Amino acid sequence: MITTVQKLSMKIMNNMEAEHVLKDSYICPMKHEGSKSDKSGKCPVCGMDLVKMKELEDEHEHEHD
């Protein structure tokens, strides 16, 4: 029998694993639909180089004056 704590732990681990996979994914800087990929390449919509989602997130985490 799985306890509530075990269920919660499993859910947290699944979320952490999913976040890791997403950050290793690539996407168009313009975030076009269908541009997400598990490897680098070109956006099928606009032809821009795909960037790692982690890099795209880091660009938006800077402070504004």
PDB file of N, CA and C in Angstrom:
ATOM      1  N   MET A   1       0.841  -1.183   0.000  1.00  0.00           N
ATOM      2  CA  MET A   1       0.000   0.000   0.000  1.00  0.00           C
ATOM      3  C   MET A   1       0.887   1.248   0.000  1.00  0.00           C
ATOM      4  N   ILE A   2       0.581   2.190  -0.871  1.00  0.00           N
ATOM      5  CA  ILE A   2       1.357   3.426  -0.983  1.00  0.00           C
ATOM      6  C   ILE A   2       0.748   4.480  -0.066  1.00  0.00           C
ATOM      7  N   THR A   3       1.598   5.066   0.758  1.00  0.00           N
ATOM      8  CA  THR A   3       1.127   6.097   1.683  1.00  0.00           C
ATOM      9  C   THR A   3       1.014   7.441   0.976  1.00  0.00           C
ATOM     10  N   THR A   4       0.369   8.371   1.609  1.00  0.00           N
ATOM     11  CA  THR A   4       0.226   9.724   1.069  1.00  0.00           C
ATOM     12  C   THR A   4       1.589  10.375   0.888  1.00  0.00           C
ATOM     13  N   VAL A   5       2.491  10.164   1.830  1.00  0.00           N
ATOM     14  CA  VAL A   5       3.840  10.739   1.742  1.00  0.00           C
ATOM     15  C   VAL A   5       4.578  10.158   0.536  1.00  0.00           C
ATOM     16  N   GLN A   6       4.435   8.870   0.303  1.00  0.00           N
ATOM     17  CA  GLN A   6       5.081   8.244  -0.841  1.00  0.00           C
ATOM     18  C   GLN A   6       4.515   8.789  -2.151  1.00  0.00           C
ATOM     19  N   LYS A   7       3.197   8.978  -2.202  1.00  0.00           N
ATOM     20  CA  LYS A   7       2.568   9.543  -3.401  1.00  0.00           C
ATOM     21  C   LYS A   7       3.089  10.947  -3.669  1.00  0.00           C
ATOM     22  N   LEU A   8       3.187  11.743  -2.624  1.00  0.00           N
ATOM     23  CA  LEU A   8       3.680  13.107  -2.756  1.00  0.00           C
ATOM     24  C   LEU A   8       5.134  13.106  -3.213  1.00  0.00           C
ATOM     25  N   SER A   9       5.944  12.230  -2.648  1.00  0.00           N
ATOM     26  CA  SER A   9       7.347  12.125  -3.045  1.00  0.00           C
ATOM     27  C   SER A   9       7.468  11.741  -4.512  1.00  0.00           C
ATOM     28  N   MET A  10       6.641  10.811  -4.963  1.00  0.00           N
ATOM     29  CA  MET A  10       6.671  10.392  -6.358  1.00  0.00           C
ATOM     30  C   MET A  10       6.266  11.536  -7.281  1.00  0.00           C
ATOM     31  N   LYS A  11       5.282  12.304  -6.859  1.00  0.00           N
ATOM     32  CA  LYS A  11       4.821  13.436  -7.672  1.00  0.00           C
ATOM     33  C   LYS A  11       5.927  14.490  -7.779  1.00  0.00           C
ATOM     34  N   ILE A  12       6.596  14.772  -6.682  1.00  0.00           N
ATOM     35  CA  ILE A  12       7.694  15.748  -6.687  1.00  0.00           C
ATOM     36  C   ILE A  12       8.816  15.278  -7.597  1.00  0.00           C
ATOM     37  N   MET A  13       9.182  14.003  -7.507  1.00  0.00           N
ATOM     38  CA  MET A  13      10.253  13.463  -8.350  1.00  0.00           C
ATOM     39  C   MET A  13       9.867  13.532  -9.829  1.00  0.00           C
ATOM     40  N   ASN A  14       8.621  13.219 -10.150  1.00  0.00           N
ATOM     41  CA  ASN A  14       8.163  13.288 -11.538  1.00  0.00           C
ATOM     42  C   ASN A  14       8.222  14.722 -12.050  1.00  0.00           C
ATOM     43  N   ASN A  15       7.835  15.696 -11.232  1.00  0.00           N
ATOM     44  CA  ASN A  15       7.890  17.100 -11.631  1.00  0.00           C
ATOM     45  C   ASN A  15       9.325  17.556 -11.848  1.00  0.00           C
ATOM     46  N   MET A  16      10.230  17.127 -10.968  1.00  0.00           N
ATOM     47  CA  MET A  16      11.639  17.503 -11.104  1.00  0.00           C
ATOM     48  C   MET A  16      12.228  16.899 -12.373  1.00  0.00           C
ATOM     49  N   GLU A  17      11.872  15.656 -12.661  1.00  0.00           N
ATOM     50  CA  GLU A  17      12.364  14.990 -13.856  1.00  0.00           C
ATOM     51  C   GLU A  17      11.822  15.679 -15.106  1.00  0.00           C
ATOM     52  N   ALA A  18      10.556  16.034 -15.099  1.00  0.00           N
ATOM     53  CA  ALA A  18       9.949  16.717 -16.240  1.00  0.00           C
ATOM     54  C   ALA A  18      10.597  18.077 -16.463  1.00  0.00           C
ATOM     55  N   GLU A  19      10.888  18.796 -15.387  1.00  0.00           N
ATOM     56  CA  GLU A  19      11.541  20.100 -15.499  1.00  0.00           C
ATOM     57  C   GLU A  19      12.929  19.947 -16.104  1.00  0.00           C
ATOM     58  N   HIS A  20      13.656  18.916 -15.695  1.00  0.00           N
ATOM     59  CA  HIS A  20      14.995  18.670 -16.239  1.00  0.00           C
ATOM     60  C   HIS A  20      14.919  18.395 -17.738  1.00  0.00           C
ATOM     61  N   VAL A  21      13.956  17.584 -18.153  1.00  0.00           N
ATOM     62  CA  VAL A  21      13.792  17.258 -19.568  1.00  0.00           C
ATOM     63  C   VAL A  21      13.455  18.514 -20.359  1.00  0.00           C
ATOM     64  N   LEU A  22      12.555  19.347 -19.839  1.00  0.00           N
ATOM     65  CA  LEU A  22      12.188  20.576 -20.536  1.00  0.00           C
ATOM     66  C   LEU A  22      13.377  21.514 -20.683  1.00  0.00           C
ATOM     67  N   LYS A  23      14.186  21.641 -19.650  1.00  0.00           N
ATOM     68  CA  LYS A  23      15.326  22.553 -19.724  1.00  0.00           C
ATOM     69  C   LYS A  23      16.381  22.058 -20.694  1.00  0.00           C
ATOM     70  N   ASP A  24      16.392  20.758 -21.002  1.00  0.00           N
ATOM     71  CA  ASP A  24      17.315  20.214 -21.989  1.00  0.00           C
ATOM     72  C   ASP A  24      16.713  20.220 -23.387  1.00  0.00           C
ATOM     73  N   SER A  25      15.485  20.726 -23.533  1.00  0.00           N
ATOM     74  CA  SER A  25      14.829  20.810 -24.823  1.00  0.00           C
ATOM     75  C   SER A  25      15.225  22.110 -25.520  1.00  0.00           C
ATOM     76  N   TYR A  26      14.992  22.154 -26.806  1.00  0.00           N
ATOM     77  CA  TYR A  26      15.287  23.339 -27.612  1.00  0.00           C
ATOM     78  C   TYR A  26      13.976  23.921 -28.122  1.00  0.00           C
ATOM     79  N   ILE A  27      13.962  25.249 -28.321  1.00  0.00           N
ATOM     80  CA  ILE A  27      12.758  25.923 -28.814  1.00  0.00           C
ATOM     81  C   ILE A  27      13.170  27.175 -29.584  1.00  0.00           C
ATOM     82  N   CYS A  28      12.317  27.621 -30.474  1.00  0.00           N
ATOM     83  CA  CYS A  28      12.563  28.858 -31.216  1.00  0.00           C
ATOM     84  C   CYS A  28      12.505  30.036 -30.249  1.00  0.00           C
ATOM     85  N   PRO A  29      13.422  30.999 -30.371  1.00  0.00           N
ATOM     86  CA  PRO A  29      13.367  32.184 -29.501  1.00  0.00           C
ATOM     87  C   PRO A  29      12.037  32.941 -29.621  1.00  0.00           C
ATOM     88  N   MET A  30      11.358  32.777 -30.765  1.00  0.00           N
ATOM     89  CA  MET A  30      10.061  33.425 -30.957  1.00  0.00           C
ATOM     90  C   MET A  30       8.924  32.543 -30.430  1.00  0.00           C
ATOM     91  N   LYS A  31       9.287  31.361 -29.912  1.00  0.00           N
ATOM     92  CA  LYS A  31       8.342  30.405 -29.322  1.00  0.00           C
ATOM     93  C   LYS A  31       7.219  30.006 -30.282  1.00  0.00           C
ATOM     94  N   HIS A  32       7.583  29.765 -31.543  1.00  0.00           N
ATOM     95  CA  HIS A  32       6.586  29.321 -32.511  1.00  0.00           C
ATOM     96  C   HIS A  32       6.057  27.940 -32.145  1.00  0.00           C
ATOM     97  N   GLU A  33       4.780  27.752 -32.375  1.00  0.00           N
ATOM     98  CA  GLU A  33       4.157  26.455 -32.106  1.00  0.00           C
ATOM     99  C   GLU A  33       4.808  25.393 -32.991  1.00  0.00           C
ATOM    100  N   GLY A  34       5.138  24.270 -32.403  1.00  0.00           N
ATOM    101  CA  GLY A  34       5.746  23.173 -33.143  1.00  0.00           C
ATOM    102  C   GLY A  34       7.254  23.265 -33.267  1.00  0.00           C
ATOM    103  N   SER A  35       7.868  24.254 -32.585  1.00  0.00           N
ATOM    104  CA  SER A  35       9.322  24.406 -32.709  1.00  0.00           C
ATOM    105  C   SER A  35      10.092  23.677 -31.624  1.00  0.00           C
ATOM    106  N   LYS A  36       9.414  23.125 -30.620  1.00  0.00           N
ATOM    107  CA  LYS A  36      10.118  22.448 -29.530  1.00  0.00           C
ATOM    108  C   LYS A  36      10.733  21.149 -30.032  1.00  0.00           C
ATOM    109  N   SER A  37      11.999  20.910 -29.640  1.00  0.00           N
ATOM    110  CA  SER A  37      12.720  19.730 -30.088  1.00  0.00           C
ATOM    111  C   SER A  37      13.650  19.247 -28.984  1.00  0.00           C
ATOM    112  N   ASP A  38      14.061  18.005 -29.063  1.00  0.00           N
ATOM    113  CA  ASP A  38      15.014  17.481 -28.091  1.00  0.00           C
ATOM    114  C   ASP A  38      16.458  17.641 -28.572  1.00  0.00           C
ATOM    115  N   LYS A  39      16.637  18.264 -29.754  1.00  0.00           N
ATOM    116  CA  LYS A  39      17.985  18.513 -30.274  1.00  0.00           C
ATOM    117  C   LYS A  39      18.017  19.868 -30.973  1.00  0.00           C
ATOM    118  N   SER A  40      19.218  20.397 -31.151  1.00  0.00           N
ATOM    119  CA  SER A  40      19.359  21.697 -31.801  1.00  0.00           C
ATOM    120  C   SER A  40      18.970  21.582 -33.272  1.00  0.00           C
ATOM    121  N   GLY A  41      18.668  22.717 -33.869  1.00  0.00           N
ATOM    122  CA  GLY A  41      18.271  22.738 -35.275  1.00  0.00           C
ATOM    123  C   GLY A  41      17.669  24.087 -35.618  1.00  0.00           C
ATOM    124  N   LYS A  42      16.833  24.105 -36.615  1.00  0.00           N
ATOM    125  CA  LYS A  42      16.184  25.332 -37.078  1.00  0.00           C
ATOM    126  C   LYS A  42      14.682  25.259 -36.816  1.00  0.00           C
ATOM    127  N   CYS A  43      14.091  26.408 -36.554  1.00  0.00           N
ATOM    128  CA  CYS A  43      12.640  26.491 -36.377  1.00  0.00           C
ATOM    129  C   CYS A  43      11.977  26.194 -37.722  1.00  0.00           C
ATOM    130  N   PRO A  44      10.999  25.284 -37.742  1.00  0.00           N
ATOM    131  CA  PRO A  44      10.321  24.974 -39.002  1.00  0.00           C
ATOM    132  C   PRO A  44       9.437  26.113 -39.508  1.00  0.00           C
ATOM    133  N   VAL A  45       9.136  27.084 -38.647  1.00  0.00           N
ATOM    134  CA  VAL A  45       8.274  28.200 -39.040  1.00  0.00           C
ATOM    135  C   VAL A  45       9.084  29.360 -39.606  1.00  0.00           C
ATOM    136  N   CYS A  46      10.132  29.805 -38.864  1.00  0.00           N
ATOM    137  CA  CYS A  46      10.859  31.008 -39.283  1.00  0.00           C
ATOM    138  C   CYS A  46      12.321  30.753 -39.661  1.00  0.00           C
ATOM    139  N   GLY A  47      12.840  29.572 -39.363  1.00  0.00           N
ATOM    140  CA  GLY A  47      14.214  29.255 -39.743  1.00  0.00           C
ATOM    141  C   GLY A  47      15.274  29.706 -38.757  1.00  0.00           C
ATOM    142  N   MET A  48      14.860  30.334 -37.652  1.00  0.00           N
ATOM    143  CA  MET A  48      15.839  30.750 -36.636  1.00  0.00           C
ATOM    144  C   MET A  48      16.433  29.527 -35.955  1.00  0.00           C
ATOM    145  N   ASP A  49      17.667  29.678 -35.430  1.00  0.00           N
ATOM    146  CA  ASP A  49      18.286  28.603 -34.665  1.00  0.00           C
ATOM    147  C   ASP A  49      17.500  28.360 -33.386  1.00  0.00           C
ATOM    148  N   LEU A  50      17.253  27.097 -33.081  1.00  0.00           N
ATOM    149  CA  LEU A  50      16.608  26.758 -31.819  1.00  0.00           C
ATOM    150  C   LEU A  50      17.608  26.949 -30.690  1.00  0.00           C
ATOM    151  N   VAL A  51      17.139  27.386 -29.529  1.00  0.00           N
ATOM    152  CA  VAL A  51      17.995  27.589 -28.361  1.00  0.00           C
ATOM    153  C   VAL A  51      17.491  26.705 -27.232  1.00  0.00           C
ATOM    154  N   LYS A  52      18.397  26.375 -26.305  1.00  0.00           N
ATOM    155  CA  LYS A  52      17.983  25.576 -25.157  1.00  0.00           C
ATOM    156  C   LYS A  52      16.983  26.380 -24.346  1.00  0.00           C
ATOM    157  N   MET A  53      15.941  25.717 -23.875  1.00  0.00           N
ATOM    158  CA  MET A  53      14.916  26.399 -23.085  1.00  0.00           C
ATOM    159  C   MET A  53      15.537  27.026 -21.849  1.00  0.00           C
ATOM    160  N   LYS A  54      16.549  26.391 -21.265  1.00  0.00           N
ATOM    161  CA  LYS A  54      17.237  26.928 -20.088  1.00  0.00           C
ATOM    162  C   LYS A  54      17.855  28.282 -20.417  1.00  0.00           C
ATOM    163  N   GLU A  55      18.496  28.397 -21.588  1.00  0.00           N
ATOM    164  CA  GLU A  55      19.108  29.669 -21.990  1.00  0.00           C
ATOM    165  C   GLU A  55      18.054  30.746 -22.180  1.00  0.00           C
ATOM    166  N   LEU A  56      16.923  30.374 -22.755  1.00  0.00           N
ATOM    167  CA  LEU A  56      15.839  31.321 -22.978  1.00  0.00           C
ATOM    168  C   LEU A  56      15.286  31.813 -21.644  1.00  0.00           C
ATOM    169  N   GLU A  57      15.152  30.902 -20.668  1.00  0.00           N
ATOM    170  CA  GLU A  57      14.686  31.281 -19.328  1.00  0.00           C
ATOM    171  C   GLU A  57      15.682  32.216 -18.660  1.00  0.00           C
ATOM    172  N   ASP A  58      16.979  31.921 -18.799  1.00  0.00           N
ATOM    173  CA  ASP A  58      18.015  32.734 -18.165  1.00  0.00           C
ATOM    174  C   ASP A  58      17.991  34.163 -18.680  1.00  0.00           C
ATOM    175  N   GLU A  59      17.692  34.349 -19.958  1.00  0.00           N
ATOM    176  CA  GLU A  59      17.628  35.696 -20.538  1.00  0.00           C
ATOM    177  C   GLU A  59      16.522  36.518 -19.884  1.00  0.00           C
ATOM    178  N   HIS A  60      15.439  35.877 -19.469  1.00  0.00           N
ATOM    179  CA  HIS A  60      14.294  36.582 -18.905  1.00  0.00           C
ATOM    180  C   HIS A  60      14.394  36.747 -17.384  1.00  0.00           C
ATOM    181  N   GLU A  61      15.434  36.201 -16.775  1.00  0.00           N
ATOM    182  CA  GLU A  61      15.575  36.284 -15.327  1.00  0.00           C
ATOM    183  C   GLU A  61      16.483  37.435 -14.885  1.00  0.00           C
ATOM    184  N   HIS A  62      16.804  38.355 -15.803  1.00  0.00           N
ATOM    185  CA  HIS A  62      17.625  39.493 -15.408  1.00  0.00           C
ATOM    186  C   HIS A  62      16.773  40.572 -14.772  1.00  0.00           C
ATOM    187  N   GLU A  63      17.429  41.464 -14.035  1.00  0.00           N
ATOM    188  CA  GLU A  63      16.695  42.542 -13.345  1.00  0.00           C
ATOM    189  C   GLU A  63      16.584  43.771 -14.221  1.00  0.00           C
ATOM    190  N   HIS A  64      15.482  44.465 -14.083  1.00  0.00           N
ATOM    191  CA  HIS A  64      15.269  45.733 -14.773  1.00  0.00           C
ATOM    192  C   HIS A  64      15.453  46.868 -13.774  1.00  0.00           C
ATOM    193  N   ASP A  65      15.970  47.998 -14.285  1.00  0.00           N
ATOM    194  CA  ASP A  65      16.137  49.190 -13.418  1.00  0.00           C
ATOM    195  C   ASP A  65      14.835  49.903 -13.248  1.00  0.00           C
TER     196      ASP A  65
END
